[in-house]
Amino acid sequence: MDRRKALRNMGLAMGYTVAFPTLISIVQSCKNDTVLEWTPDFFTKDEGAALTKLVDIIIPKTDTPSASETQVHLFIDRFTNEVMDEKQQKFWKMSFGRFLEKAQKDSGEDKAGNLTAENLEAVLGPSLKVTKEDQTKNFKAIQQYNEAIAEDKEPLLDDAISRFAFANNLRGLTIMAYKTSEFVGEEVLEYLPVPGEYIGCGDLQELTGGKDWSI
C-alpha cells in the first residue's frame, strides 16, 4: 500500500488530517529519544509492548531495518498523544482494546504485554483480509459510529469491525512513519539532499531504478 492510500484509509476510519511539518517534528523527536526502555506517552506499558511487536509484523527486518528499529512504535504513540483529538484517541484506544481482547482470548494469555508475535499476527491477518465489499461496509459502519458520537448518541460498533479499524489504521500509520524515518528516507528510497532539475513526467525505472522518491 502506498502512502497516499494509507493516509486516505486512516482518514476514513479516524477522520483526521495532519500537516506534514507536524509529522517531521514527531519523527525528529523520536530520533532524539535514546532511552533503552521505552515508556509510552499515551499507551499503557502492556499496550506499548504489543504495539512494538505489531509494527514489526507489518514491516519485519529483512535487508532493511524493522519498523521498531526505526522507532515507528514511538512515532505512533506520540502521534496519538500529540495529534489526535480526544474523540479520535478514544476510538483508537477502544479499537486497540478490542483487538488485544481477541488476541488474549484466543491465546489464553491474561496480559497483553506477554502476547507473542504469533498471537498478535493470528488476529492481525484476518482483520486485514477483507473483501472490497466488506471494506466498504466497514468504513460505513465506522462513519456511523463516529457520527453517533458527534451527536451524543450511544455508539455501537461490531467487535470485528473495531479490530478491522485498528488493524487498518495501524498499517497506515506504520507505513507512514517508516517512510518518513531518516534511515529509510536516505538509505532505502531515492534521496537527493540537494534537488537538481525538475522532470515533470519521467519513467520511474529510468529515473530511480524503480524506487520511490524520498521526501
Foldseek 3Di string as FASTA:
>chain_A
DDLVVLVVLLCLQQNDDDDPVVLLVLLVVQVPDDDPQDCFPQDHSLLLLLLLLVQCVLAPDDVHHGLVVLPLSNSVRVCLVPPDDPVSNVLLVVLSVLLLVVLCVVVVPPTSSPRHSVSNCVSLVVLQPDDPVVVVVLSVLSVVQVVCVVVVHDGDDDSSSSPNSNSSNSSSSSNVSVLQRPCCQPPVAAEDPDDDDDDPDDDCCVPGVVGHHRD
